[in-house]
Amino acid sequence: MRLFGWMSVSLVAACLALSACDSGDKVDTSKLEKSFSTSQPAAKSAVDDVKAAVSAKDFAKAGAALQRLGTSGSLTPEQKQAIEEVSVQVRKLVEQQAKDAAKTGEKALGDVQKRLSN
């Protein structure tokens, strides 16, 4: 019985991990890339970090890179707007993934509780 309980907990954790990583939504970084195309190498590197993090669905890293980029010196209004737009997209994705993970986790936990009570 104990083994079944641990396997169930592992199943819940796996479901949460999978649902947090699986999203059909995309983040459009094209405006960000365009607005920084003629910037200093450090700013271009930060944009590359954002793109890489978004591609890897590492939204915490993308958020940190966007924050660094936003605090870099003398941004144009176009650059500020591009940073804000990508930041909003990343935040929405994170929020949706958290909601999806919570729903999946609740369902899996309910299933485990039903099985354990039988």
C-alpha atoms as a PDB file:
ATOM      1  CA  MET A   1       0.000   0.000   0.000  1.00  0.00           C
ATOM      2  CA  ARG A   2       2.835   2.384   0.826  1.00  0.00           C
ATOM      3  CA  LEU A   3       4.508   1.702  -2.511  1.00  0.00           C
ATOM      4  CA  PHE A   4       1.269   2.575  -4.293  1.00  0.00           C
ATOM      5  CA  GLY A   5       1.094   5.847  -2.360  1.00  0.00           C
ATOM      6  CA  TRP A   6       4.626   6.842  -3.374  1.00  0.00           C
ATOM      7  CA  MET A   7       3.983   5.864  -6.973  1.00  0.00           C
ATOM      8  CA  SER A   8       0.855   8.015  -6.933  1.00  0.00           C
ATOM      9  CA  VAL A   9       2.764  10.992  -5.561  1.00  0.00           C
ATOM     10  CA  SER A  10       5.366  10.499  -8.279  1.00  0.00           C
ATOM     11  CA  LEU A  11       2.614  10.385 -10.885  1.00  0.00           C
ATOM     12  CA  VAL A  12       1.162  13.664  -9.611  1.00  0.00           C
ATOM     13  CA  ALA A  13       4.600  15.310  -9.750  1.00  0.00           C
ATOM     14  CA  ALA A  14       5.164  14.042 -13.286  1.00  0.00           C
ATOM     15  CA  CYS A  15       1.780  15.356 -14.423  1.00  0.00           C
ATOM     16  CA  LEU A  16       2.546  18.765 -12.962  1.00  0.00           C
ATOM     17  CA  ALA A  17       5.931  18.874 -14.666  1.00  0.00           C
ATOM     18  CA  LEU A  18       4.527  17.838 -18.033  1.00  0.00           C
ATOM     19  CA  SER A  19       1.624  20.246 -17.954  1.00  0.00           C
ATOM     20  CA  ALA A  20       3.906  23.123 -16.994  1.00  0.00           C
ATOM     21  CA  CYS A  21       6.143  22.478 -19.982  1.00  0.00           C
ATOM     22  CA  ASP A  22       3.576  21.730 -22.632  1.00  0.00           C
ATOM     23  CA  SER A  23       2.064  24.861 -24.114  1.00  0.00           C
ATOM     24  CA  GLY A  24       1.032  25.636 -27.650  1.00  0.00           C
ATOM     25  CA  ASP A  25       1.419  29.361 -27.080  1.00  0.00           C
ATOM     26  CA  LYS A  26       4.308  31.239 -28.627  1.00  0.00           C
ATOM     27  CA  VAL A  27       6.182  34.378 -27.675  1.00  0.00           C
ATOM     28  CA  ASP A  28       6.841  36.717 -30.581  1.00  0.00           C
ATOM     29  CA  THR A  29      10.314  38.214 -30.195  1.00  0.00           C
ATOM     30  CA  SER A  30      10.566  39.618 -33.728  1.00  0.00           C
ATOM     31  CA  LYS A  31       9.777  43.224 -32.714  1.00  0.00           C
ATOM     32  CA  LEU A  32      12.288  42.949 -29.871  1.00  0.00           C
ATOM     33  CA  GLU A  33      14.962  41.653 -32.239  1.00  0.00           C
ATOM     34  CA  LYS A  34      14.237  44.384 -34.777  1.00  0.00           C
ATOM     35  CA  SER A  35      14.299  47.186 -32.224  1.00  0.00           C
ATOM     36  CA  PHE A  36      17.721  46.099 -30.933  1.00  0.00           C
ATOM     37  CA  SER A  37      19.261  45.208 -34.312  1.00  0.00           C
ATOM     38  CA  THR A  38      21.575  48.242 -34.289  1.00  0.00           C
ATOM     39  CA  SER A  39      22.253  48.291 -30.538  1.00  0.00           C
ATOM     40  CA  GLN A  40      25.442  47.705 -28.602  1.00  0.00           C
ATOM     41  CA  PRO A  41      26.736  44.124 -28.375  1.00  0.00           C
ATOM     42  CA  ALA A  42      25.676  43.795 -24.721  1.00  0.00           C
ATOM     43  CA  ALA A  43      22.069  44.646 -25.579  1.00  0.00           C
ATOM     44  CA  LYS A  44      22.100  42.282 -28.558  1.00  0.00           C
ATOM     45  CA  SER A  45      23.462  39.558 -26.280  1.00  0.00           C
ATOM     46  CA  ALA A  46      20.608  40.144 -23.829  1.00  0.00           C
ATOM     47  CA  VAL A  47      18.102  39.853 -26.682  1.00  0.00           C
ATOM     48  CA  ASP A  48      19.760  36.580 -27.698  1.00  0.00           C
ATOM     49  CA  ASP A  49      19.424  35.399 -24.091  1.00  0.00           C
ATOM     50  CA  VAL A  50      15.700  36.223 -24.184  1.00  0.00           C
ATOM     51  CA  LYS A  51      15.246  34.351 -27.469  1.00  0.00           C
ATOM     52  CA  ALA A  52      17.148  31.299 -26.220  1.00  0.00           C
ATOM     53  CA  ALA A  53      15.206  31.207 -22.951  1.00  0.00           C
ATOM     54  CA  VAL A  54      11.870  31.531 -24.771  1.00  0.00           C
ATOM     55  CA  SER A  55      12.849  28.727 -27.161  1.00  0.00           C
ATOM     56  CA  ALA A  56      13.765  26.530 -24.196  1.00  0.00           C
ATOM     57  CA  LYS A  57      10.505  27.546 -22.435  1.00  0.00           C
ATOM     58  CA  ASP A  58      12.620  28.797 -19.524  1.00  0.00           C
ATOM     59  CA  PHE A  59      10.399  31.758 -18.803  1.00  0.00           C
ATOM     60  CA  ALA A  60      12.107  32.648 -15.528  1.00  0.00           C
ATOM     61  CA  LYS A  61      15.359  33.126 -17.405  1.00  0.00           C
ATOM     62  CA  ALA A  62      13.552  35.046 -20.166  1.00  0.00           C
ATOM     63  CA  GLY A  63      12.014  37.341 -17.560  1.00  0.00           C
ATOM     64  CA  ALA A  64      15.389  37.982 -15.944  1.00  0.00           C
ATOM     65  CA  ALA A  65      16.979  38.760 -19.323  1.00  0.00           C
ATOM     66  CA  LEU A  66      14.105  41.115 -20.179  1.00  0.00           C
ATOM     67  CA  GLN A  67      14.545  42.858 -16.838  1.00  0.00           C
ATOM     68  CA  ARG A  68      18.284  43.328 -17.459  1.00  0.00           C
ATOM     69  CA  LEU A  69      17.529  44.604 -20.925  1.00  0.00           C
ATOM     70  CA  GLY A  70      14.931  47.032 -19.584  1.00  0.00           C
ATOM     71  CA  THR A  71      17.390  48.554 -17.147  1.00  0.00           C
ATOM     72  CA  SER A  72      20.136  49.027 -19.714  1.00  0.00           C
ATOM     73  CA  GLY A  73      20.949  52.626 -20.557  1.00  0.00           C
ATOM     74  CA  SER A  74      19.174  54.936 -22.989  1.00  0.00           C
ATOM     75  CA  LEU A  75      16.457  52.810 -24.539  1.00  0.00           C
ATOM     76  CA  THR A  76      14.391  54.168 -27.378  1.00  0.00           C
ATOM     77  CA  PRO A  77      10.616  54.271 -27.034  1.00  0.00           C
ATOM     78  CA  GLU A  78      10.435  51.459 -29.624  1.00  0.00           C
ATOM     79  CA  GLN A  79      12.785  49.306 -27.535  1.00  0.00           C
ATOM     80  CA  LYS A  80      10.859  49.984 -24.332  1.00  0.00           C
ATOM     81  CA  GLN A  81       7.612  49.041 -26.061  1.00  0.00           C
ATOM     82  CA  ALA A  82       9.123  45.829 -27.485  1.00  0.00           C
ATOM     83  CA  ILE A  83      10.437  44.815 -24.058  1.00  0.00           C
ATOM     84  CA  GLU A  84       7.040  45.459 -22.499  1.00  0.00           C
ATOM     85  CA  GLU A  85       5.192  43.466 -25.184  1.00  0.00           C
ATOM     86  CA  VAL A  86       7.439  40.426 -24.802  1.00  0.00           C
ATOM     87  CA  SER A  87       7.261  40.710 -20.999  1.00  0.00           C
ATOM     88  CA  VAL A  88       3.463  40.679 -21.130  1.00  0.00           C
ATOM     89  CA  GLN A  89       3.494  37.612 -23.405  1.00  0.00           C
ATOM     90  CA  VAL A  90       5.876  35.772 -21.079  1.00  0.00           C
ATOM     91  CA  ARG A  91       3.805  36.657 -17.988  1.00  0.00           C
ATOM     92  CA  LYS A  92       0.595  35.448 -19.655  1.00  0.00           C
ATOM     93  CA  LEU A  93       2.233  32.164 -20.595  1.00  0.00           C
ATOM     94  CA  VAL A  94       3.535  31.625 -17.086  1.00  0.00           C
ATOM     95  CA  GLU A  95       0.115  32.394 -15.612  1.00  0.00           C
ATOM     96  CA  GLN A  96      -1.631  30.013 -18.019  1.00  0.00           C
ATOM     97  CA  GLN A  97       0.875  27.252 -17.381  1.00  0.00           C
ATOM     98  CA  ALA A  98       0.423  27.664 -13.639  1.00  0.00           C
ATOM     99  CA  LYS A  99      -3.360  27.417 -14.007  1.00  0.00           C
ATOM    100  CA  ASP A 100      -3.062  24.359 -16.243  1.00  0.00           C
ATOM    101  CA  ALA A 101      -0.624  22.701 -13.845  1.00  0.00           C
ATOM    102  CA  ALA A 102      -2.930  23.390 -10.893  1.00  0.00           C
ATOM    103  CA  LYS A 103      -5.907  21.838 -12.714  1.00  0.00           C
ATOM    104  CA  THR A 104      -3.895  18.787 -13.700  1.00  0.00           C
ATOM    105  CA  GLY A 105      -2.514  18.447 -10.201  1.00  0.00           C
ATOM    106  CA  GLU A 106      -5.943  18.726  -8.612  1.00  0.00           C
ATOM    107  CA  LYS A 107      -7.332  16.059 -10.916  1.00  0.00           C
ATOM    108  CA  ALA A 108      -4.395  13.729 -10.321  1.00  0.00           C
ATOM    109  CA  LEU A 109      -4.595  14.246  -6.564  1.00  0.00           C
ATOM    110  CA  GLY A 110      -8.321  13.533  -6.631  1.00  0.00           C
ATOM    111  CA  ASP A 111      -7.673  10.336  -8.573  1.00  0.00           C
ATOM    112  CA  VAL A 112      -5.021   9.287  -6.055  1.00  0.00           C
ATOM    113  CA  GLN A 113      -7.328  10.001  -3.125  1.00  0.00           C
ATOM    114  CA  LYS A 114     -10.091   7.921  -4.718  1.00  0.00           C
ATOM    115  CA  ARG A 115      -7.737   4.994  -5.272  1.00  0.00           C
ATOM    116  CA  LEU A 116      -6.340   5.181  -1.768  1.00  0.00           C
ATOM    117  CA  SER A 117      -9.803   5.249  -0.201  1.00  0.00           C
ATOM    118  CA  ASN A 118     -10.843   2.065  -2.038  1.00  0.00           C
END
